[in-house]
C-alpha atoms as a PDB file:
ATOM      1  CA  MET A   1      -3.315   1.571  -7.033  1.00  0.00           C
ATOM      2  CA  ASP A   2      -4.720   3.491  -4.087  1.00  0.00           C
ATOM      3  CA  THR A   3      -5.143   7.270  -3.832  1.00  0.00           C
ATOM      4  CA  HIS A   4      -2.068   7.748  -1.622  1.00  0.00           C
ATOM      5  CA  THR A   5       0.492  10.112  -3.170  1.00  0.00           C
ATOM      6  CA  TYR A   6       4.067   8.815  -3.296  1.00  0.00           C
ATOM      7  CA  PRO A   7       7.336  10.753  -3.710  1.00  0.00           C
ATOM      8  CA  VAL A   8       7.923   8.984  -7.052  1.00  0.00           C
ATOM      9  CA  THR A   9       4.914   8.990  -9.385  1.00  0.00           C
ATOM     10  CA  ARG A  10       4.601   7.987 -13.025  1.00  0.00           C
ATOM     11  CA  THR A  11       1.809   7.742 -15.558  1.00  0.00           C
ATOM     12  CA  ASP A  12       0.632   4.302 -16.590  1.00  0.00           C
ATOM     13  CA  ALA A  13       2.463   4.741 -19.910  1.00  0.00           C
ATOM     14  CA  GLU A  14       5.687   5.616 -18.085  1.00  0.00           C
ATOM     15  CA  TRP A  15       5.359   2.526 -15.851  1.00  0.00           C
ATOM     16  CA  ARG A  16       4.783   0.319 -18.899  1.00  0.00           C
ATOM     17  CA  ALA A  17       7.854   1.800 -20.631  1.00  0.00           C
ATOM     18  CA  LEU A  18      10.040   1.329 -17.528  1.00  0.00           C
ATOM     19  CA  LEU A  19       8.975  -2.183 -16.498  1.00  0.00           C
ATOM     20  CA  THR A  20       8.898  -5.514 -18.296  1.00  0.00           C
ATOM     21  CA  PRO A  21       5.389  -6.961 -18.801  1.00  0.00           C
ATOM     22  CA  GLU A  22       5.955  -9.339 -15.854  1.00  0.00           C
ATOM     23  CA  GLN A  23       7.226  -6.537 -13.608  1.00  0.00           C
ATOM     24  CA  TYR A  24       4.251  -4.375 -14.564  1.00  0.00           C
ATOM     25  CA  GLN A  25       1.803  -7.187 -13.800  1.00  0.00           C
ATOM     26  CA  VAL A  26       3.374  -7.785 -10.366  1.00  0.00           C
ATOM     27  CA  MET A  27       4.241  -4.256  -9.304  1.00  0.00           C
ATOM     28  CA  ARG A  28       1.357  -2.225 -10.723  1.00  0.00           C
ATOM     29  CA  GLN A  29      -1.431  -4.841 -10.842  1.00  0.00           C
ATOM     30  CA  HIS A  30      -0.651  -6.667  -7.588  1.00  0.00           C
ATOM     31  CA  GLY A  31       0.336  -9.897  -9.300  1.00  0.00           C
ATOM     32  CA  THR A  32       2.648 -12.685  -8.191  1.00  0.00           C
ATOM     33  CA  GLU A  33       5.550 -14.212 -10.061  1.00  0.00           C
ATOM     34  CA  ARG A  34       5.820 -17.982 -10.433  1.00  0.00           C
ATOM     35  CA  PRO A  35       7.572 -19.470  -7.353  1.00  0.00           C
ATOM     36  CA  GLY A  36      11.218 -20.345  -7.972  1.00  0.00           C
ATOM     37  CA  SER A  37      11.332 -18.345 -11.205  1.00  0.00           C
ATOM     38  CA  CYS A  38      13.616 -15.473 -10.152  1.00  0.00           C
ATOM     39  CA  ALA A  39      17.408 -15.686 -10.001  1.00  0.00           C
ATOM     40  CA  LEU A  40      17.430 -13.340  -6.991  1.00  0.00           C
ATOM     41  CA  LEU A  41      15.975 -16.181  -4.950  1.00  0.00           C
ATOM     42  CA  TYR A  42      19.488 -17.656  -4.994  1.00  0.00           C
ATOM     43  CA  GLU A  43      21.426 -14.396  -4.454  1.00  0.00           C
ATOM     44  CA  LYS A  44      23.741 -14.751  -1.438  1.00  0.00           C
ATOM     45  CA  ARG A  45      26.323 -11.960  -1.858  1.00  0.00           C
ATOM     46  CA  PRO A  46      26.461  -9.005   0.533  1.00  0.00           C
ATOM     47  CA  GLY A  47      24.523  -6.034  -0.781  1.00  0.00           C
ATOM     48  CA  THR A  48      21.150  -4.346  -1.010  1.00  0.00           C
ATOM     49  CA  PHE A  49      17.898  -5.299  -2.728  1.00  0.00           C
ATOM     50  CA  LYS A  50      16.273  -2.216  -4.275  1.00  0.00           C
ATOM     51  CA  CYS A  51      12.899  -1.410  -5.849  1.00  0.00           C
ATOM     52  CA  VAL A  52      12.947  -1.770  -9.646  1.00  0.00           C
ATOM     53  CA  GLY A  53      10.395   1.034  -9.925  1.00  0.00           C
ATOM     54  CA  CYS A  54      12.307   3.773  -8.093  1.00  0.00           C
ATOM     55  CA  ASP A  55      15.704   2.490  -6.887  1.00  0.00           C
ATOM     56  CA  GLN A  56      14.677   2.735  -3.194  1.00  0.00           C
ATOM     57  CA  PRO A  57      16.818   0.436  -0.975  1.00  0.00           C
ATOM     58  CA  LEU A  58      14.358  -2.076   0.506  1.00  0.00           C
ATOM     59  CA  PHE A  59      16.180  -5.022   2.087  1.00  0.00           C
ATOM     60  CA  GLU A  60      19.753  -5.750   3.145  1.00  0.00           C
ATOM     61  CA  ALA A  61      21.137  -9.102   2.011  1.00  0.00           C
ATOM     62  CA  THR A  62      22.163  -9.925   5.593  1.00  0.00           C
ATOM     63  CA  LEU A  63      18.455 -10.212   6.467  1.00  0.00           C
ATOM     64  CA  LYS A  64      17.568 -12.555   3.587  1.00  0.00           C
ATOM     65  CA  PHE A  65      16.823 -16.185   4.438  1.00  0.00           C
ATOM     66  CA  GLU A  66      15.708 -19.354   2.682  1.00  0.00           C
ATOM     67  CA  SER A  67      12.022 -19.828   3.486  1.00  0.00           C
ATOM     68  CA  GLY A  68      11.384 -22.732   1.120  1.00  0.00           C
ATOM     69  CA  THR A  69       8.494 -20.813  -0.467  1.00  0.00           C
ATOM     70  CA  GLY A  70      10.100 -20.048  -3.836  1.00  0.00           C
ATOM     71  CA  TRP A  71      10.301 -16.276  -3.299  1.00  0.00           C
ATOM     72  CA  PRO A  72      13.081 -14.168  -1.773  1.00  0.00           C
ATOM     73  CA  SER A  73      12.331 -13.786   1.937  1.00  0.00           C
ATOM     74  CA  PHE A  74      13.601 -11.257   4.448  1.00  0.00           C
ATOM     75  CA  ASN A  75      12.910 -10.745   8.140  1.00  0.00           C
ATOM     76  CA  ASP A  76      13.074  -6.940   8.196  1.00  0.00           C
ATOM     77  CA  PRO A  77      13.066  -4.113   5.615  1.00  0.00           C
ATOM     78  CA  VAL A  78      15.284  -1.044   5.544  1.00  0.00           C
ATOM     79  CA  PRO A  79      13.561   1.323   8.012  1.00  0.00           C
ATOM     80  CA  GLY A  80      10.930   3.478   6.281  1.00  0.00           C
ATOM     81  CA  SER A  81      11.318   1.755   2.914  1.00  0.00           C
ATOM     82  CA  VAL A  82       8.041  -0.186   2.804  1.00  0.00           C
ATOM     83  CA  GLU A  83       4.448   0.329   3.827  1.00  0.00           C
ATOM     84  CA  THR A  84       1.729  -2.249   4.374  1.00  0.00           C
ATOM     85  CA  THR A  85      -1.978  -2.467   3.674  1.00  0.00           C
ATOM     86  CA  GLU A  86      -4.641  -5.093   4.257  1.00  0.00           C
ATOM     87  CA  ASP A  87      -5.150  -7.381   1.263  1.00  0.00           C
ATOM     88  CA  ARG A  88      -8.483  -9.226   1.140  1.00  0.00           C
ATOM     89  CA  SER A  89      -8.033 -10.781  -2.315  1.00  0.00           C
ATOM     90  CA  TYR A  90      -8.379 -14.497  -3.035  1.00  0.00           C
ATOM     91  CA  GLY A  91     -10.798 -15.022  -0.113  1.00  0.00           C
ATOM     92  CA  MET A  92      -8.198 -14.449   2.617  1.00  0.00           C
ATOM     93  CA  VAL A  93      -6.750 -11.626   4.684  1.00  0.00           C
ATOM     94  CA  ARG A  94      -3.052 -10.918   4.182  1.00  0.00           C
ATOM     95  CA  THR A  95      -0.730  -7.978   4.734  1.00  0.00           C
ATOM     96  CA  GLU A  96       0.470  -6.514   1.433  1.00  0.00           C
ATOM     97  CA  VAL A  97       3.921  -4.923   1.262  1.00  0.00           C
ATOM     98  CA  HIS A  98       4.519  -2.030  -1.116  1.00  0.00           C
ATOM     99  CA  CYS A  99       7.353   0.418  -1.735  1.00  0.00           C
ATOM    100  CA  ALA A 100       6.990   3.549   0.401  1.00  0.00           C
ATOM    101  CA  THR A 101       8.590   5.658  -2.336  1.00  0.00           C
ATOM    102  CA  CYS A 102       6.639   4.646  -5.472  1.00  0.00           C
ATOM    103  CA  GLY A 103       3.765   2.516  -4.138  1.00  0.00           C
ATOM    104  CA  SER A 104       4.641  -0.549  -6.196  1.00  0.00           C
ATOM    105  CA  HIS A 105       3.399  -3.917  -4.946  1.00  0.00           C
ATOM    106  CA  LEU A 106       6.305  -6.016  -3.664  1.00  0.00           C
ATOM    107  CA  GLY A 107       4.691  -9.017  -1.967  1.00  0.00           C
ATOM    108  CA  HIS A 108       3.287  -9.873   1.469  1.00  0.00           C
ATOM    109  CA  VAL A 109       4.511 -10.164   5.046  1.00  0.00           C
ATOM    110  CA  PHE A 110       3.637 -13.124   7.258  1.00  0.00           C
ATOM    111  CA  PRO A 111       4.162 -13.775  11.006  1.00  0.00           C
ATOM    112  CA  ASP A 112       6.018 -17.079  10.483  1.00  0.00           C
ATOM    113  CA  GLY A 113       9.612 -15.938   9.995  1.00  0.00           C
ATOM    114  CA  PRO A 114      12.739 -16.587  12.047  1.00  0.00           C
ATOM    115  CA  PRO A 115      13.937 -14.605  15.066  1.00  0.00           C
ATOM    116  CA  PRO A 116      14.516 -11.869  15.910  1.00  0.00           C
ATOM    117  CA  THR A 117      11.433 -10.354  14.208  1.00  0.00           C
ATOM    118  CA  GLY A 118       9.388 -13.496  13.561  1.00  0.00           C
ATOM    119  CA  LEU A 119       8.369 -11.931  10.246  1.00  0.00           C
ATOM    120  CA  ARG A 120       8.721 -13.241   6.708  1.00  0.00           C
ATOM    121  CA  TYR A 121       8.647 -10.569   4.030  1.00  0.00           C
ATOM    122  CA  CYS A 122       7.857 -12.741   1.003  1.00  0.00           C
ATOM    123  CA  ILE A 123       8.854 -10.555  -1.944  1.00  0.00           C
ATOM    124  CA  ASN A 124       8.473 -10.997  -5.691  1.00  0.00           C
ATOM    125  CA  GLY A 125      12.002 -11.119  -7.101  1.00  0.00           C
ATOM    126  CA  VAL A 126      10.986  -9.296 -10.305  1.00  0.00           C
ATOM    127  CA  ALA A 127      10.206  -6.234  -8.159  1.00  0.00           C
ATOM    128  CA  LEU A 128      13.799  -6.182  -6.915  1.00  0.00           C
ATOM    129  CA  GLU A 129      17.206  -5.367  -8.310  1.00  0.00           C
ATOM    130  CA  PHE A 130      20.336  -6.350  -6.429  1.00  0.00           C
ATOM    131  CA  GLU A 131      23.226  -3.998  -5.801  1.00  0.00           C
ATOM    132  CA  PRO A 132      26.315  -5.862  -4.543  1.00  0.00           C
ATOM    133  CA  ALA A 133      28.191  -4.274  -1.633  1.00  0.00           C
END
């Protein structure tokens, strides 16, 4: 992770104890889950998607849409809940999305989403937990 200090911090051992191996690989090592592998991709109830690492509300279900990519997609986060950084991995430039509270990698944001924002926050479902309204 970077040197930025977040409100919620844990040691590597604490992260490993809290997260499943797949969650750790995605959230702490900037990995990506297999497309279509997360049940939250199909979640349609009203509610809030929260960070598994710190319980921070990240996305409201009303802003979730089917992007056809295989990952949960949203067109806007809860204000102040995420931060972005430039990601130059895999020979391309993308915008990484991470939790503003604990710094965990969530996914990426792309400028090809629906109105009104035109953004597609493509988020790894294993980084999220869903809290029904």
